[in-house]
Amino acid sequence: MNEQRPTELTNYPAHSLVSAEVALLEMWQGLENYHRDLVLVGGLAVHYHTKDKTQPRYRGTCTLDIDLGISLATDGGMSGSVDWDLGMLGYRPDENRRMVKRGEFGNLYIDFLTEHRPANLPGTRNVSDVTATVCPGIDRALACRKLVPITGLNRHEEEQVFHIPLCGIGPLLVLKLNAFGQRNEQDRMKDAYDILVAVSSYSEGAQAAIDGFLAEASEDNSGFAFAQQVLREHFSEDTSAGPRAACNFYLGAGGGNEEERDLLRQDLVSIALSLLGD
């Protein structure tokens, strides 16, 4: 993510997804000792869950960074650490302890998220010498990994199919709702839009995404209760913060006609009510 997160979809550079995917595959090869301890979450995960949707109602989401769930118990032992291996790829911690590397089109960031039970107190933890933000629901994301094939270049500049562990749609929606509930008004605009796209353009159908989220109620997902609270407080009416944020992110503040804006807000409210089981 750049120093200031864009507040409108049109402000994301055209190369953003391509740059993020190239960085993901490079990082995945460099962290081969930790594959079982990592899972892709965040905007890039939303992209892979929705990119195959034909004739989507809304444009696909974008991202400028890579969000990774990481097990708190991650340990490279004698083979090194995540920090060391990322350093070999040119990544360094910035002033906020985020891993960053200067790429062809700007800074590339990798953000790590972990879970620290039972308390899950806010803050960060040191995991294999990188700083990971405590985020309830990451353990479920790690438990529900789905391997997706992604074609790219390996370190020898040869085309190769990589199998990247992707967070399941149910746990991903829990994480996105938790992120929305914890961020300020500007930073959570994209989270609201990601929720809209993740459900409406889910490759297996919107109902499958809704069912995946509802299934988390009977699982040991520490972020589910707060996700439900966020839905009730911020997404259940078309004047709520969530629908307004998604609308402004997609159409711009004051952009689009009133019919377009009403339709988007109503779509997201319908999704929210379905996620609540109403």
Protein backbone atom coordinates (compact mmCIF):
# COMPACT_ATOMS: atom_id res chain seq x y z
CA MET A 1 0.00 0.00 0.00
CA ASN A 2 1.26 3.48 -0.78
CA GLU A 3 1.76 6.02 1.99
CA GLN A 4 -1.79 7.32 1.42
CA ARG A 5 -4.47 4.83 0.50
CA PRO A 6 -6.50 5.93 -2.56
CA THR A 7 -10.10 6.80 -1.71
CA GLU A 8 -11.54 6.11 -5.18
CA LEU A 9 -11.20 3.12 -7.48
CA THR A 10 -10.16 5.32 -10.40
CA ASN A 11 -7.17 6.58 -8.39
CA TYR A 12 -5.54 3.15 -8.43
CA PRO A 13 -2.84 2.86 -11.12
CA ALA A 14 -3.61 0.56 -14.03
CA HIS A 15 -0.55 -1.54 -13.20
CA SER A 16 -1.45 -2.07 -9.54
CA LEU A 17 -2.78 -5.63 -9.77
CA VAL A 18 -0.04 -6.75 -12.15
CA SER A 19 2.64 -5.32 -9.87
CA ALA A 20 1.07 -6.97 -6.82
CA GLU A 21 0.87 -10.35 -8.55
CA VAL A 22 4.49 -10.20 -9.73
CA ALA A 23 5.55 -9.32 -6.18
CA LEU A 24 3.41 -12.14 -4.78
CA LEU A 25 5.05 -14.78 -6.96
CA GLU A 26 8.54 -13.45 -6.24
CA MET A 27 7.80 -13.45 -2.51
CA TRP A 28 6.30 -16.95 -2.66
CA GLN A 29 9.47 -18.37 -4.18
CA GLY A 30 11.62 -16.58 -1.61
CA LEU A 31 9.59 -17.88 1.35
CA GLU A 32 9.56 -21.54 0.34
CA ASN A 33 10.40 -22.62 3.91
CA TYR A 34 7.17 -21.08 5.22
CA HIS A 35 4.48 -22.08 2.72
CA ARG A 36 2.44 -24.05 5.27
CA ASP A 37 2.34 -21.05 7.63
CA LEU A 38 1.03 -18.45 5.17
CA VAL A 39 -2.29 -17.59 3.51
CA LEU A 40 -3.22 -14.79 1.11
CA VAL A 41 -5.89 -12.42 2.45
CA GLY A 42 -6.90 -8.82 1.69
CA GLY A 43 -7.66 -7.20 -1.65
CA LEU A 44 -5.55 -9.56 -3.72
CA ALA A 45 -7.51 -12.50 -2.28
CA VAL A 46 -10.75 -10.76 -3.27
CA HIS A 47 -9.35 -10.38 -6.79
CA TYR A 48 -8.60 -14.10 -7.15
CA HIS A 49 -12.03 -15.05 -5.80
CA THR A 50 -13.81 -12.82 -8.32
CA LYS A 51 -11.65 -12.47 -11.44
CA ASP A 52 -13.46 -15.24 -13.34
CA LYS A 53 -16.92 -13.71 -12.95
CA THR A 54 -18.50 -13.09 -16.36
CA GLN A 55 -20.36 -9.82 -16.86
CA PRO A 56 -19.91 -8.53 -13.30
CA ARG A 57 -22.19 -5.71 -12.17
CA TYR A 58 -19.22 -3.87 -10.63
CA ARG A 59 -15.60 -3.46 -11.66
CA GLY A 60 -13.08 -5.74 -10.01
CA THR A 61 -11.21 -4.48 -7.01
CA CYS A 62 -7.60 -3.25 -7.01
CA THR A 63 -4.76 -3.37 -4.53
CA LEU A 64 -1.34 -1.86 -4.00
CA ASP A 65 -0.01 -4.34 -1.47
CA ILE A 66 0.05 -7.98 -0.37
CA ASP A 67 -1.69 -9.02 2.84
CA LEU A 68 -0.59 -12.33 4.32
CA GLY A 69 -1.95 -14.24 7.26
CA ILE A 70 0.89 -15.88 9.16
CA SER A 71 0.82 -18.46 11.92
CA LEU A 72 2.03 -17.14 15.27
CA ALA A 73 4.12 -20.31 15.61
CA THR A 74 6.05 -19.72 12.38
CA ASP A 75 9.69 -20.63 12.92
CA GLY A 76 12.36 -21.20 10.34
CA GLY A 77 14.69 -22.82 12.85
CA MET A 78 18.22 -23.12 11.58
CA SER A 79 17.12 -22.16 8.06
CA GLY A 80 16.66 -18.49 8.94
CA SER A 81 13.59 -16.27 9.25
CA VAL A 82 10.88 -14.63 7.16
CA ASP A 83 12.62 -11.30 7.68
CA TRP A 84 15.93 -12.69 6.42
CA ASP A 85 14.43 -14.30 3.33
CA LEU A 86 12.47 -11.16 2.42
CA GLY A 87 15.65 -9.17 2.92
CA MET A 88 17.31 -11.34 0.29
CA LEU A 89 14.56 -10.16 -2.09
CA GLY A 90 15.22 -6.52 -1.30
CA TYR A 91 12.50 -5.90 1.30
CA ARG A 92 13.22 -3.77 4.35
CA PRO A 93 11.02 -2.66 7.27
CA ASP A 94 9.88 0.96 7.02
CA GLU A 95 9.31 3.32 9.95
CA ASN A 96 6.02 1.53 10.69
CA ARG A 97 7.67 -1.91 10.50
CA ARG A 98 5.93 -2.75 7.21
CA MET A 99 8.04 -4.67 4.73
CA VAL A 100 8.65 -2.51 1.68
CA LYS A 101 10.62 -2.70 -1.53
CA ARG A 102 11.02 -0.17 -4.30
CA GLY A 103 9.50 -1.61 -7.48
CA GLU A 104 9.34 -0.47 -11.08
CA PHE A 105 6.19 1.60 -10.47
CA GLY A 106 6.67 2.57 -6.82
CA ASN A 107 6.79 1.00 -3.39
CA LEU A 108 5.62 -2.59 -2.90
CA TYR A 109 4.39 -3.48 0.58
CA ILE A 110 3.84 -6.78 2.36
CA ASP A 111 1.66 -6.65 5.47
CA PHE A 112 1.52 -9.59 7.87
CA LEU A 113 -1.49 -10.46 10.04
CA THR A 114 -1.54 -13.00 12.84
CA GLU A 115 -3.75 -14.22 15.67
CA HIS A 116 -2.77 -14.38 19.33
CA ARG A 117 -5.32 -16.27 21.40
CA PRO A 118 -7.02 -16.29 23.75
CA ALA A 119 -7.01 -12.54 24.32
CA ASN A 120 -6.29 -11.31 20.76
CA LEU A 121 -5.35 -7.95 22.25
CA PRO A 122 -4.84 -5.20 19.64
CA GLY A 123 -1.30 -4.47 18.60
CA THR A 124 1.51 -6.34 16.89
CA ARG A 125 3.58 -9.44 17.48
CA ASN A 126 7.04 -10.44 16.31
CA VAL A 127 6.70 -13.50 14.07
CA SER A 128 9.89 -14.87 12.55
CA ASP A 129 11.45 -11.40 12.92
CA VAL A 130 8.70 -9.57 11.01
CA THR A 131 6.02 -7.41 12.63
CA ALA A 132 2.53 -8.89 12.30
CA THR A 133 -0.68 -7.09 13.27
CA VAL A 134 -2.98 -9.06 15.56
CA CYS A 135 -6.19 -9.78 13.64
CA PRO A 136 -8.97 -12.08 14.93
CA GLY A 137 -9.98 -14.60 12.27
CA ILE A 138 -6.53 -15.31 10.85
CA ASP A 139 -6.43 -18.79 12.38
CA ARG A 140 -9.60 -19.66 10.43
CA ALA A 141 -8.07 -18.22 7.26
CA LEU A 142 -5.07 -20.50 7.75
CA ALA A 143 -7.33 -23.48 8.44
CA CYS A 144 -9.43 -22.92 5.29
CA ARG A 145 -6.70 -22.40 2.73
CA LYS A 146 -7.57 -23.09 -0.90
CA LEU A 147 -4.72 -23.56 -3.37
CA VAL A 148 -5.20 -21.56 -6.56
CA PRO A 149 -3.01 -21.89 -9.68
CA ILE A 150 -1.33 -18.67 -10.79
CA THR A 151 0.92 -18.59 -13.83
CA GLY A 152 4.00 -16.39 -13.78
CA LEU A 153 7.76 -16.33 -14.18
CA ASN A 154 10.05 -18.18 -11.82
CA ARG A 155 13.47 -16.94 -10.71
CA HIS A 156 14.97 -18.35 -13.92
CA GLU A 157 12.57 -16.25 -16.04
CA GLU A 158 10.70 -19.40 -17.08
CA GLU A 159 6.92 -19.63 -17.08
CA GLN A 160 5.60 -21.72 -14.20
CA VAL A 161 2.31 -22.45 -12.45
CA PHE A 162 2.42 -21.60 -8.75
CA HIS A 163 -0.14 -22.88 -6.27
CA ILE A 164 -0.85 -20.08 -3.80
CA PRO A 165 -2.92 -20.67 -0.63
CA LEU A 166 -5.97 -18.41 -0.77
CA CYS A 167 -8.20 -17.59 2.19
CA GLY A 168 -11.67 -19.14 1.87
CA ILE A 169 -14.51 -16.73 1.08
CA GLY A 170 -16.23 -17.05 4.48
CA PRO A 171 -13.16 -16.24 6.60
CA LEU A 172 -12.17 -13.55 4.07
CA LEU A 173 -15.48 -11.72 4.53
CA VAL A 174 -15.02 -11.92 8.30
CA LEU A 175 -11.59 -10.32 7.95
CA LYS A 176 -12.85 -7.60 5.60
CA LEU A 177 -15.71 -6.69 7.95
CA ASN A 178 -13.32 -6.59 10.91
CA ALA A 179 -11.00 -4.30 8.94
CA PHE A 180 -13.89 -1.96 8.10
CA GLY A 181 -14.95 -1.80 11.73
CA GLN A 182 -11.48 -0.88 12.96
CA ARG A 183 -10.42 1.71 10.37
CA ASN A 184 -11.11 5.39 9.98
CA GLU A 185 -13.57 6.76 7.45
CA GLN A 186 -11.02 7.26 4.67
CA ASP A 187 -9.13 3.99 5.00
CA ARG A 188 -12.21 1.76 5.14
CA MET A 189 -13.81 2.92 1.88
CA LYS A 190 -12.06 0.20 -0.12
CA ASP A 191 -13.01 -2.43 2.48
CA ALA A 192 -16.70 -1.64 1.92
CA TYR A 193 -16.29 -1.95 -1.84
CA ASP A 194 -14.29 -5.17 -1.48
CA ILE A 195 -17.19 -6.70 0.48
CA LEU A 196 -19.63 -5.72 -2.28
CA VAL A 197 -17.43 -7.22 -5.00
CA ALA A 198 -16.42 -10.31 -3.01
CA VAL A 199 -20.06 -11.39 -2.71
CA SER A 200 -21.65 -10.09 -5.92
CA SER A 201 -18.81 -11.33 -8.18
CA TYR A 202 -17.76 -14.47 -6.29
CA SER A 203 -16.76 -17.08 -8.88
CA GLU A 204 -19.06 -19.73 -7.37
CA GLY A 205 -22.02 -17.38 -7.08
CA ALA A 206 -23.22 -14.83 -4.55
CA GLN A 207 -25.23 -17.36 -2.56
CA ALA A 208 -22.15 -19.55 -2.12
CA ALA A 209 -20.28 -16.56 -0.68
CA ILE A 210 -23.15 -15.83 1.70
CA ASP A 211 -23.34 -19.47 2.76
CA GLY A 212 -19.58 -19.49 3.33
CA PHE A 213 -19.86 -16.54 5.68
CA LEU A 214 -22.85 -17.94 7.57
CA ALA A 215 -20.98 -21.21 8.08
CA GLU A 216 -18.42 -19.33 10.16
CA ALA A 217 -21.05 -18.97 12.90
CA SER A 218 -20.54 -22.62 13.84
CA GLU A 219 -16.75 -22.52 13.50
CA ASP A 220 -14.14 -21.29 15.94
CA ASN A 221 -13.73 -17.93 14.22
CA SER A 222 -12.80 -15.29 16.78
CA GLY A 223 -13.67 -12.45 14.38
CA PHE A 224 -17.20 -13.56 13.50
CA ALA A 225 -19.13 -11.85 16.31
CA PHE A 226 -17.54 -8.48 15.55
CA ALA A 227 -18.18 -9.00 11.82
CA GLN A 228 -21.89 -9.44 12.58
CA GLN A 229 -21.84 -6.31 14.73
CA VAL A 230 -20.26 -4.33 11.89
CA LEU A 231 -22.94 -5.55 9.48
CA ARG A 232 -25.74 -4.48 11.82
CA GLU A 233 -24.27 -1.10 12.70
CA HIS A 234 -22.73 -0.04 9.39
CA PHE A 235 -24.37 -1.94 6.49
CA SER A 236 -28.03 -2.63 7.29
CA GLU A 237 -29.50 0.57 5.78
CA ASP A 238 -28.73 2.44 2.57
CA THR A 239 -27.79 5.52 4.59
CA SER A 240 -25.34 3.52 6.73
CA ALA A 241 -21.60 4.15 6.58
CA GLY A 242 -20.79 0.97 4.63
CA PRO A 243 -23.01 1.51 1.58
CA ARG A 244 -22.07 5.20 1.45
CA ALA A 245 -18.36 4.35 1.61
CA ALA A 246 -18.61 1.74 -1.15
CA CYS A 247 -20.60 4.15 -3.31
CA ASN A 248 -18.07 6.96 -2.93
CA PHE A 249 -15.17 4.59 -3.58
CA TYR A 250 -16.70 3.25 -6.80
CA LEU A 251 -18.38 6.35 -8.22
CA GLY A 252 -16.47 9.09 -6.45
CA ALA A 253 -17.92 11.55 -3.96
CA GLY A 254 -20.77 13.07 -5.94
CA GLY A 255 -20.02 10.99 -9.04
CA GLY A 256 -22.57 8.96 -10.98
CA ASN A 257 -26.27 9.71 -11.15
CA GLU A 258 -28.66 9.22 -8.27
CA GLU A 259 -30.06 6.01 -9.76
CA GLU A 260 -26.58 4.44 -9.93
CA ARG A 261 -25.80 5.46 -6.39
CA ASP A 262 -29.13 4.16 -5.06
CA LEU A 263 -28.65 0.83 -6.84
CA LEU A 264 -25.17 0.26 -5.41
CA ARG A 265 -26.25 1.14 -1.88
CA GLN A 266 -29.30 -1.12 -2.13
CA ASP A 267 -27.19 -3.98 -3.49
CA LEU A 268 -24.81 -3.76 -0.54
CA VAL A 269 -27.66 -3.55 1.98
CA SER A 270 -29.23 -6.67 0.44
CA ILE A 271 -25.88 -8.45 0.73
CA ALA A 272 -25.48 -7.34 4.35
CA LEU A 273 -28.96 -8.54 5.33
CA SER A 274 -28.27 -11.89 3.66
CA LEU A 275 -24.97 -12.17 5.55
CA LEU A 276 -26.93 -11.55 8.75
CA GLY A 277 -29.33 -14.33 7.80
CA ASP A 278 -32.28 -11.93 7.53
